[in-house]
Amino acid sequence: MTTVIWKYVLELDEVQTVKMPAGAKILGVFVQNNQPILYAMVDIRYEREAVEIYTFVTGQFAPLESFHYIGTYLVNEETFVGHVFTKA
């Protein structure tokens, strides 16, 4: 069996690059220990590739029609709300 679920700790940055095996399926984003965590189902046989992750805050202008929604998270005593996307 070569398919597993990996987690990736996200920063509160607007754009960041995560290296995950090619063909990874992003499952969602959640909070653990006040840190946003992205979970993906990956096949560990494949070479890792760069995936850009975008975090927008509520009310921020963003060309959302160009993006695929992953999920929303709240951190810092719920004062920061991040909406996470990848490019469509």
PDB file of N, CA and C in Angstrom:
ATOM      1  N   MET A   1       0.852  -1.178   0.000  1.00  0.00           N
ATOM      2  CA  MET A   1       0.000   0.000   0.000  1.00  0.00           C
ATOM      3  C   MET A   1       0.894   1.235   0.000  1.00  0.00           C
ATOM      4  N   THR A   2       0.692   2.103  -0.960  1.00  0.00           N
ATOM      5  CA  THR A   2       1.551   3.285  -1.059  1.00  0.00           C
ATOM      6  C   THR A   2       0.788   4.595  -0.893  1.00  0.00           C
ATOM      7  N   THR A   3      -0.514   4.516  -0.648  1.00  0.00           N
ATOM      8  CA  THR A   3      -1.311   5.726  -0.455  1.00  0.00           C
ATOM      9  C   THR A   3      -1.469   5.988   1.040  1.00  0.00           C
ATOM     10  N   VAL A   4      -1.108   7.201   1.448  1.00  0.00           N
ATOM     11  CA  VAL A   4      -1.199   7.601   2.849  1.00  0.00           C
ATOM     12  C   VAL A   4      -1.741   9.024   2.927  1.00  0.00           C
ATOM     13  N   ILE A   5      -2.101   9.446   4.121  1.00  0.00           N
ATOM     14  CA  ILE A   5      -2.514  10.832   4.341  1.00  0.00           C
ATOM     15  C   ILE A   5      -1.380  11.546   5.052  1.00  0.00           C
ATOM     16  N   TRP A   6      -0.935  12.643   4.454  1.00  0.00           N
ATOM     17  CA  TRP A   6       0.116  13.478   5.042  1.00  0.00           C
ATOM     18  C   TRP A   6      -0.487  14.800   5.454  1.00  0.00           C
ATOM     19  N   LYS A   7       0.170  15.418   6.439  1.00  0.00           N
ATOM     20  CA  LYS A   7      -0.266  16.752   6.852  1.00  0.00           C
ATOM     21  C   LYS A   7       0.848  17.745   6.588  1.00  0.00           C
ATOM     22  N   TYR A   8       0.440  18.954   6.285  1.00  0.00           N
ATOM     23  CA  TYR A   8       1.353  20.049   5.980  1.00  0.00           C
ATOM     24  C   TYR A   8       0.949  21.250   6.834  1.00  0.00           C
ATOM     25  N   VAL A   9       1.873  21.743   7.648  1.00  0.00           N
ATOM     26  CA  VAL A   9       1.603  22.918   8.475  1.00  0.00           C
ATOM     27  C   VAL A   9       1.647  24.144   7.572  1.00  0.00           C
ATOM     28  N   LEU A  10       0.599  24.960   7.623  1.00  0.00           N
ATOM     29  CA  LEU A  10       0.541  26.180   6.818  1.00  0.00           C
ATOM     30  C   LEU A  10       0.933  27.391   7.644  1.00  0.00           C
ATOM     31  N   GLU A  11       1.517  28.346   6.973  1.00  0.00           N
ATOM     32  CA  GLU A  11       1.795  29.651   7.578  1.00  0.00           C
ATOM     33  C   GLU A  11       0.582  30.542   7.324  1.00  0.00           C
ATOM     34  N   LEU A  12       0.559  31.714   7.944  1.00  0.00           N
ATOM     35  CA  LEU A  12      -0.541  32.646   7.726  1.00  0.00           C
ATOM     36  C   LEU A  12      -0.258  33.553   6.539  1.00  0.00           C
ATOM     37  N   ASP A  13       0.639  33.133   5.659  1.00  0.00           N
ATOM     38  CA  ASP A  13       1.012  33.909   4.475  1.00  0.00           C
ATOM     39  C   ASP A  13      -0.062  33.808   3.405  1.00  0.00           C
ATOM     40  N   GLU A  14      -0.100  34.834   2.529  1.00  0.00           N
ATOM     41  CA  GLU A  14      -1.081  34.823   1.450  1.00  0.00           C
ATOM     42  C   GLU A  14      -0.767  33.736   0.421  1.00  0.00           C
ATOM     43  N   VAL A  15       0.513  33.552   0.108  1.00  0.00           N
ATOM     44  CA  VAL A  15       0.917  32.523  -0.855  1.00  0.00           C
ATOM     45  C   VAL A  15       2.064  31.725  -0.271  1.00  0.00           C
ATOM     46  N   GLN A  16       1.999  30.417  -0.396  1.00  0.00           N
ATOM     47  CA  GLN A  16       3.094  29.556   0.052  1.00  0.00           C
ATOM     48  C   GLN A  16       3.146  28.322  -0.839  1.00  0.00           C
ATOM     49  N   THR A  17       4.309  27.710  -0.884  1.00  0.00           N
ATOM     50  CA  THR A  17       4.508  26.524  -1.708  1.00  0.00           C
ATOM     51  C   THR A  17       4.666  25.313  -0.805  1.00  0.00           C
ATOM     52  N   VAL A  18       3.918  24.271  -1.126  1.00  0.00           N
ATOM     53  CA  VAL A  18       3.983  23.015  -0.395  1.00  0.00           C
ATOM     54  C   VAL A  18       4.451  21.951  -1.379  1.00  0.00           C
ATOM     55  N   LYS A  19       5.412  21.136  -0.973  1.00  0.00           N
ATOM     56  CA  LYS A  19       5.907  20.045  -1.829  1.00  0.00           C
ATOM     57  C   LYS A  19       5.164  18.770  -1.457  1.00  0.00           C
ATOM     58  N   MET A  20       4.404  18.241  -2.417  1.00  0.00           N
ATOM     59  CA  MET A  20       3.679  17.001  -2.183  1.00  0.00           C
ATOM     60  C   MET A  20       3.795  16.107  -3.411  1.00  0.00           C
ATOM     61  N   PRO A  21       3.658  14.801  -3.232  1.00  0.00           N
ATOM     62  CA  PRO A  21       3.763  13.900  -4.372  1.00  0.00           C
ATOM     63  C   PRO A  21       2.765  14.256  -5.478  1.00  0.00           C
ATOM     64  N   ALA A  22       3.221  14.118  -6.716  1.00  0.00           N
ATOM     65  CA  ALA A  22       2.369  14.410  -7.880  1.00  0.00           C
ATOM     66  C   ALA A  22       1.053  13.645  -7.764  1.00  0.00           C
ATOM     67  N   GLY A  23      -0.029  14.313  -8.130  1.00  0.00           N
ATOM     68  CA  GLY A  23      -1.345  13.687  -8.099  1.00  0.00           C
ATOM     69  C   GLY A  23      -2.000  13.651  -6.736  1.00  0.00           C
ATOM     70  N   ALA A  24      -1.410  14.335  -5.757  1.00  0.00           N
ATOM     71  CA  ALA A  24      -1.985  14.345  -4.405  1.00  0.00           C
ATOM     72  C   ALA A  24      -3.404  14.910  -4.434  1.00  0.00           C
ATOM     73  N   LYS A  25      -4.254  14.363  -3.586  1.00  0.00           N
ATOM     74  CA  LYS A  25      -5.629  14.860  -3.464  1.00  0.00           C
ATOM     75  C   LYS A  25      -5.742  15.587  -2.137  1.00  0.00           C
ATOM     76  N   ILE A  26      -5.960  16.903  -2.197  1.00  0.00           N
ATOM     77  CA  ILE A  26      -6.099  17.695  -0.979  1.00  0.00           C
ATOM     78  C   ILE A  26      -7.459  17.409  -0.361  1.00  0.00           C
ATOM     79  N   LEU A  27      -7.450  17.050   0.918  1.00  0.00           N
ATOM     80  CA  LEU A  27      -8.667  16.654   1.619  1.00  0.00           C
ATOM     81  C   LEU A  27      -9.343  17.809   2.338  1.00  0.00           C
ATOM     82  N   GLY A  28      -8.553  18.736   2.885  1.00  0.00           N
ATOM     83  CA  GLY A  28      -9.130  19.850   3.618  1.00  0.00           C
ATOM     84  C   GLY A  28      -8.088  20.531   4.479  1.00  0.00           C
ATOM     85  N   VAL A  29      -8.538  21.553   5.182  1.00  0.00           N
ATOM     86  CA  VAL A  29      -7.667  22.290   6.083  1.00  0.00           C
ATOM     87  C   VAL A  29      -8.364  22.396   7.440  1.00  0.00           C
ATOM     88  N   PHE A  30      -7.598  22.165   8.495  1.00  0.00           N
ATOM     89  CA  PHE A  30      -8.125  22.161   9.847  1.00  0.00           C
ATOM     90  C   PHE A  30      -7.126  22.854  10.761  1.00  0.00           C
ATOM     91  N   VAL A  31      -7.458  23.012  12.016  1.00  0.00           N
ATOM     92  CA  VAL A  31      -6.556  23.658  12.975  1.00  0.00           C
ATOM     93  C   VAL A  31      -6.137  22.639  14.020  1.00  0.00           C
ATOM     94  N   GLN A  32      -4.835  22.618  14.299  1.00  0.00           N
ATOM     95  CA  GLN A  32      -4.283  21.756  15.334  1.00  0.00           C
ATOM     96  C   GLN A  32      -3.252  22.582  16.089  1.00  0.00           C
ATOM     97  N   ASN A  33      -3.403  22.697  17.397  1.00  0.00           N
ATOM     98  CA  ASN A  33      -2.495  23.505  18.227  1.00  0.00           C
ATOM     99  C   ASN A  33      -2.370  24.935  17.701  1.00  0.00           C
ATOM    100  N   ASN A  34      -3.494  25.514  17.308  1.00  0.00           N
ATOM    101  CA  ASN A  34      -3.580  26.892  16.821  1.00  0.00           C
ATOM    102  C   ASN A  34      -2.786  27.114  15.534  1.00  0.00           C
ATOM    103  N   GLN A  35      -2.546  26.057  14.772  1.00  0.00           N
ATOM    104  CA  GLN A  35      -1.841  26.129  13.487  1.00  0.00           C
ATOM    105  C   GLN A  35      -2.739  25.554  12.397  1.00  0.00           C
ATOM    106  N   PRO A  36      -2.852  26.244  11.248  1.00  0.00           N
ATOM    107  CA  PRO A  36      -3.608  25.649  10.152  1.00  0.00           C
ATOM    108  C   PRO A  36      -2.830  24.475   9.563  1.00  0.00           C
ATOM    109  N   ILE A  37      -3.539  23.372   9.343  1.00  0.00           N
ATOM    110  CA  ILE A  37      -2.940  22.154   8.816  1.00  0.00           C
ATOM    111  C   ILE A  37      -3.715  21.742   7.564  1.00  0.00           C
ATOM    112  N   LEU A  38      -2.996  21.501   6.482  1.00  0.00           N
ATOM    113  CA  LEU A  38      -3.587  21.006   5.254  1.00  0.00           C
ATOM    114  C   LEU A  38      -3.332  19.499   5.209  1.00  0.00           C
ATOM    115  N   TYR A  39      -4.368  18.728   4.923  1.00  0.00           N
ATOM    116  CA  TYR A  39      -4.240  17.280   4.816  1.00  0.00           C
ATOM    117  C   TYR A  39      -4.418  16.876   3.350  1.00  0.00           C
ATOM    118  N   ALA A  40      -3.592  15.928   2.914  1.00  0.00           N
ATOM    119  CA  ALA A  40      -3.680  15.447   1.540  1.00  0.00           C
ATOM    120  C   ALA A  40      -3.456  13.945   1.502  1.00  0.00           C
ATOM    121  N   MET A  41      -4.176  13.289   0.597  1.00  0.00           N
ATOM    122  CA  MET A  41      -3.970  11.869   0.350  1.00  0.00           C
ATOM    123  C   MET A  41      -2.934  11.777  -0.764  1.00  0.00           C
ATOM    124  N   VAL A  42      -1.822  11.095  -0.478  1.00  0.00           N
ATOM    125  CA  VAL A  42      -0.709  11.064  -1.418  1.00  0.00           C
ATOM    126  C   VAL A  42      -0.268   9.639  -1.687  1.00  0.00           C
ATOM    127  N   ASP A  43       0.319   9.455  -2.850  1.00  0.00           N
ATOM    128  CA  ASP A  43       0.945   8.186  -3.196  1.00  0.00           C
ATOM    129  C   ASP A  43       2.452   8.419  -3.088  1.00  0.00           C
ATOM    130  N   ILE A  44       3.075   7.793  -2.116  1.00  0.00           N
ATOM    131  CA  ILE A  44       4.482   8.082  -1.811  1.00  0.00           C
ATOM    132  C   ILE A  44       5.444   7.611  -2.899  1.00  0.00           C
ATOM    133  N   ARG A  45       4.954   6.886  -3.896  1.00  0.00           N
ATOM    134  CA  ARG A  45       5.821   6.456  -4.999  1.00  0.00           C
ATOM    135  C   ARG A  45       6.146   7.593  -5.960  1.00  0.00           C
ATOM    136  N   TYR A  46       5.325   8.641  -5.956  1.00  0.00           N
ATOM    137  CA  TYR A  46       5.497   9.709  -6.941  1.00  0.00           C
ATOM    138  C   TYR A  46       6.421  10.807  -6.434  1.00  0.00           C
ATOM    139  N   GLU A  47       7.102  11.410  -7.382  1.00  0.00           N
ATOM    140  CA  GLU A  47       8.019  12.506  -7.083  1.00  0.00           C
ATOM    141  C   GLU A  47       7.233  13.706  -6.564  1.00  0.00           C
ATOM    142  N   ARG A  48       7.840  14.432  -5.644  1.00  0.00           N
ATOM    143  CA  ARG A  48       7.177  15.612  -5.086  1.00  0.00           C
ATOM    144  C   ARG A  48       7.223  16.773  -6.060  1.00  0.00           C
ATOM    145  N   GLU A  49       6.136  17.522  -6.055  1.00  0.00           N
ATOM    146  CA  GLU A  49       6.042  18.711  -6.894  1.00  0.00           C
ATOM    147  C   GLU A  49       5.550  19.874  -6.055  1.00  0.00           C
ATOM    148  N   ALA A  50       5.845  21.078  -6.516  1.00  0.00           N
ATOM    149  CA  ALA A  50       5.441  22.284  -5.804  1.00  0.00           C
ATOM    150  C   ALA A  50       3.968  22.583  -6.074  1.00  0.00           C
ATOM    151  N   VAL A  51       3.222  22.802  -5.002  1.00  0.00           N
ATOM    152  CA  VAL A  51       1.816  23.183  -5.099  1.00  0.00           C
ATOM    153  C   VAL A  51       1.660  24.509  -4.370  1.00  0.00           C
ATOM    154  N   GLU A  52       1.156  25.515  -5.074  1.00  0.00           N
ATOM    155  CA  GLU A  52       0.958  26.817  -4.441  1.00  0.00           C
ATOM    156  C   GLU A  52      -0.371  26.823  -3.695  1.00  0.00           C
ATOM    157  N   ILE A  53      -0.305  27.257  -2.446  1.00  0.00           N
ATOM    158  CA  ILE A  53      -1.472  27.366  -1.579  1.00  0.00           C
ATOM    159  C   ILE A  53      -1.697  28.844  -1.306  1.00  0.00           C
ATOM    160  N   TYR A  54      -2.936  29.291  -1.473  1.00  0.00           N
ATOM    161  CA  TYR A  54      -3.293  30.697  -1.283  1.00  0.00           C
ATOM    162  C   TYR A  54      -4.243  30.819  -0.103  1.00  0.00           C
ATOM    163  N   THR A  55      -3.984  31.797   0.754  1.00  0.00           N
ATOM    164  CA  THR A  55      -4.873  32.070   1.880  1.00  0.00           C
ATOM    165  C   THR A  55      -5.366  33.502   1.763  1.00  0.00           C
ATOM    166  N   PHE A  56      -6.666  33.672   1.681  1.00  0.00           N
ATOM    167  CA  PHE A  56      -7.287  34.982   1.625  1.00  0.00           C
ATOM    168  C   PHE A  56      -8.087  35.197   2.897  1.00  0.00           C
ATOM    169  N   VAL A  57      -8.142  36.447   3.354  1.00  0.00           N
ATOM    170  CA  VAL A  57      -8.944  36.765   4.529  1.00  0.00           C
ATOM    171  C   VAL A  57     -10.308  37.271   4.068  1.00  0.00           C
ATOM    172  N   THR A  58     -11.271  37.207   4.945  1.00  0.00           N
ATOM    173  CA  THR A  58     -12.620  37.653   4.624  1.00  0.00           C
ATOM    174  C   THR A  58     -12.590  39.116   4.175  1.00  0.00           C
ATOM    175  N   GLY A  59     -13.231  39.393   3.059  1.00  0.00           N
ATOM    176  CA  GLY A  59     -13.316  40.746   2.530  1.00  0.00           C
ATOM    177  C   GLY A  59     -12.161  41.143   1.624  1.00  0.00           C
ATOM    178  N   GLN A  60     -11.156  40.308   1.526  1.00  0.00           N
ATOM    179  CA  GLN A  60     -10.000  40.615   0.680  1.00  0.00           C
ATOM    180  C   GLN A  60     -10.351  40.374  -0.780  1.00  0.00           C
ATOM    181  N   PHE A  61      -9.939  41.306  -1.643  1.00  0.00           N
ATOM    182  CA  PHE A  61     -10.148  41.111  -3.073  1.00  0.00           C
ATOM    183  C   PHE A  61      -9.312  39.933  -3.551  1.00  0.00           C
ATOM    184  N   ALA A  62      -9.914  39.059  -4.311  1.00  0.00           N
ATOM    185  CA  ALA A  62      -9.197  37.914  -4.873  1.00  0.00           C
ATOM    186  C   ALA A  62      -9.948  37.461  -6.125  1.00  0.00           C
ATOM    187  N   PRO A  63      -9.223  37.100  -7.176  1.00  0.00           N
ATOM    188  CA  PRO A  63      -9.881  36.597  -8.390  1.00  0.00           C
ATOM    189  C   PRO A  63     -10.346  35.150  -8.184  1.00  0.00           C
ATOM    190  N   LEU A  64     -11.350  34.973  -7.357  1.00  0.00           N
ATOM    191  CA  LEU A  64     -11.739  33.643  -6.892  1.00  0.00           C
ATOM    192  C   LEU A  64     -12.187  32.696  -8.004  1.00  0.00           C
ATOM    193  N   GLU A  65     -12.600  33.227  -9.148  1.00  0.00           N
ATOM    194  CA  GLU A  65     -13.005  32.338 -10.234  1.00  0.00           C
ATOM    195  C   GLU A  65     -11.815  31.557 -10.793  1.00  0.00           C
ATOM    196  N   SER A  66     -10.590  31.980 -10.463  1.00  0.00           N
ATOM    197  CA  SER A  66      -9.374  31.290 -10.926  1.00  0.00           C
ATOM    198  C   SER A  66      -8.867  30.273  -9.909  1.00  0.00           C
ATOM    199  N   PHE A  67      -9.599  30.087  -8.809  1.00  0.00           N
ATOM    200  CA  PHE A  67      -9.110  29.262  -7.721  1.00  0.00           C
ATOM    201  C   PHE A  67     -10.092  28.143  -7.371  1.00  0.00           C
ATOM    202  N   HIS A  68      -9.543  27.128  -6.691  1.00  0.00           N
ATOM    203  CA  HIS A  68     -10.348  26.011  -6.193  1.00  0.00           C
ATOM    204  C   HIS A  68     -10.341  26.082  -4.660  1.00  0.00           C
ATOM    205  N   TYR A  69     -11.503  26.162  -4.064  1.00  0.00           N
ATOM    206  CA  TYR A  69     -11.639  26.290  -2.605  1.00  0.00           C
ATOM    207  C   TYR A  69     -11.280  24.989  -1.899  1.00  0.00           C
ATOM    208  N   ILE A  70     -10.464  25.104  -0.835  1.00  0.00           N
ATOM    209  CA  ILE A  70     -10.095  23.942  -0.016  1.00  0.00           C
ATOM    210  C   ILE A  70     -10.836  23.961   1.314  1.00  0.00           C
ATOM    211  N   GLY A  71     -10.819  25.105   2.000  1.00  0.00           N
ATOM    212  CA  GLY A  71     -11.475  25.183   3.297  1.00  0.00           C
ATOM    213  C   GLY A  71     -11.182  26.477   4.013  1.00  0.00           C
ATOM    214  N   THR A  72     -11.802  26.652   5.164  1.00  0.00           N
ATOM    215  CA  THR A  72     -11.664  27.851   5.990  1.00  0.00           C
ATOM    216  C   THR A  72     -11.220  27.433   7.377  1.00  0.00           C
ATOM    217  N   TYR A  73     -10.353  28.249   7.983  1.00  0.00           N
ATOM    218  CA  TYR A  73      -9.900  27.954   9.342  1.00  0.00           C
ATOM    219  C   TYR A  73      -9.866  29.233  10.172  1.00  0.00           C
ATOM    220  N   LEU A  74      -9.922  29.063  11.500  1.00  0.00           N
ATOM    221  CA  LEU A  74      -9.842  30.173  12.451  1.00  0.00           C
ATOM    222  C   LEU A  74      -8.703  29.889  13.413  1.00  0.00           C
ATOM    223  N   VAL A  75      -7.823  30.876  13.629  1.00  0.00           N
ATOM    224  CA  VAL A  75      -6.722  30.741  14.582  1.00  0.00           C
ATOM    225  C   VAL A  75      -6.586  32.031  15.382  1.00  0.00           C
ATOM    226  N   ASN A  76      -5.626  32.043  16.298  1.00  0.00           N
ATOM    227  CA  ASN A  76      -5.357  33.205  17.157  1.00  0.00           C
ATOM    228  C   ASN A  76      -6.623  33.666  17.877  1.00  0.00           C
ATOM    229  N   GLU A  77      -7.189  32.745  18.634  1.00  0.00           N
ATOM    230  CA  GLU A  77      -8.416  33.007  19.381  1.00  0.00           C
ATOM    231  C   GLU A  77      -9.529  33.505  18.464  1.00  0.00           C
ATOM    232  N   GLU A  78      -9.553  32.928  17.268  1.00  0.00           N
ATOM    233  CA  GLU A  78     -10.565  33.209  16.250  1.00  0.00           C
ATOM    234  C   GLU A  78     -10.523  34.635  15.724  1.00  0.00           C
ATOM    235  N   THR A  79      -9.376  35.321  15.851  1.00  0.00           N
ATOM    236  CA  THR A  79      -9.250  36.671  15.296  1.00  0.00           C
ATOM    237  C   THR A  79      -8.739  36.643  13.862  1.00  0.00           C
ATOM    238  N   PHE A  80      -8.177  35.511  13.423  1.00  0.00           N
ATOM    239  CA  PHE A  80      -7.707  35.371  12.035  1.00  0.00           C
ATOM    240  C   PHE A  80      -8.532  34.288  11.366  1.00  0.00           C
ATOM    241  N   VAL A  81      -9.199  34.654  10.272  1.00  0.00           N
ATOM    242  CA  VAL A  81      -9.981  33.697   9.502  1.00  0.00           C
ATOM    243  C   VAL A  81      -9.331  33.596   8.118  1.00  0.00           C
ATOM    244  N   GLY A  82      -8.838  32.412   7.782  1.00  0.00           N
ATOM    245  CA  GLY A  82      -8.196  32.198   6.490  1.00  0.00           C
ATOM    246  C   GLY A  82      -9.030  31.283   5.624  1.00  0.00           C
ATOM    247  N   HIS A  83      -9.179  31.674   4.359  1.00  0.00           N
ATOM    248  CA  HIS A  83      -9.898  30.879   3.366  1.00  0.00           C
ATOM    249  C   HIS A  83      -8.838  30.355   2.396  1.00  0.00           C
ATOM    250  N   VAL A  84      -8.686  29.054   2.303  1.00  0.00           N
ATOM    251  CA  VAL A  84      -7.563  28.439   1.600  1.00  0.00           C
ATOM    252  C   VAL A  84      -7.991  27.930   0.214  1.00  0.00           C
ATOM    253  N   PHE A  85      -7.138  28.208  -0.780  1.00  0.00           N
ATOM    254  CA  PHE A  85      -7.404  27.861  -2.164  1.00  0.00           C
ATOM    255  C   PHE A  85      -6.146  27.331  -2.852  1.00  0.00           C
ATOM    256  N   THR A  86      -6.334  26.635  -3.966  1.00  0.00           N
ATOM    257  CA  THR A  86      -5.272  26.341  -4.923  1.00  0.00           C
ATOM    258  C   THR A  86      -5.715  26.941  -6.244  1.00  0.00           C
ATOM    259  N   LYS A  87      -4.788  27.053  -7.190  1.00  0.00           N
ATOM    260  CA  LYS A  87      -5.162  27.535  -8.531  1.00  0.00           C
ATOM    261  C   LYS A  87      -6.020  26.485  -9.209  1.00  0.00           C
ATOM    262  N   ALA A  88      -7.066  26.943  -9.903  1.00  0.00           N
ATOM    263  CA  ALA A  88      -7.975  26.022 -10.592  1.00  0.00           C
ATOM    264  C   ALA A  88      -7.327  25.480 -11.847  1.00  0.00           C
TER     265      ALA A  88
END
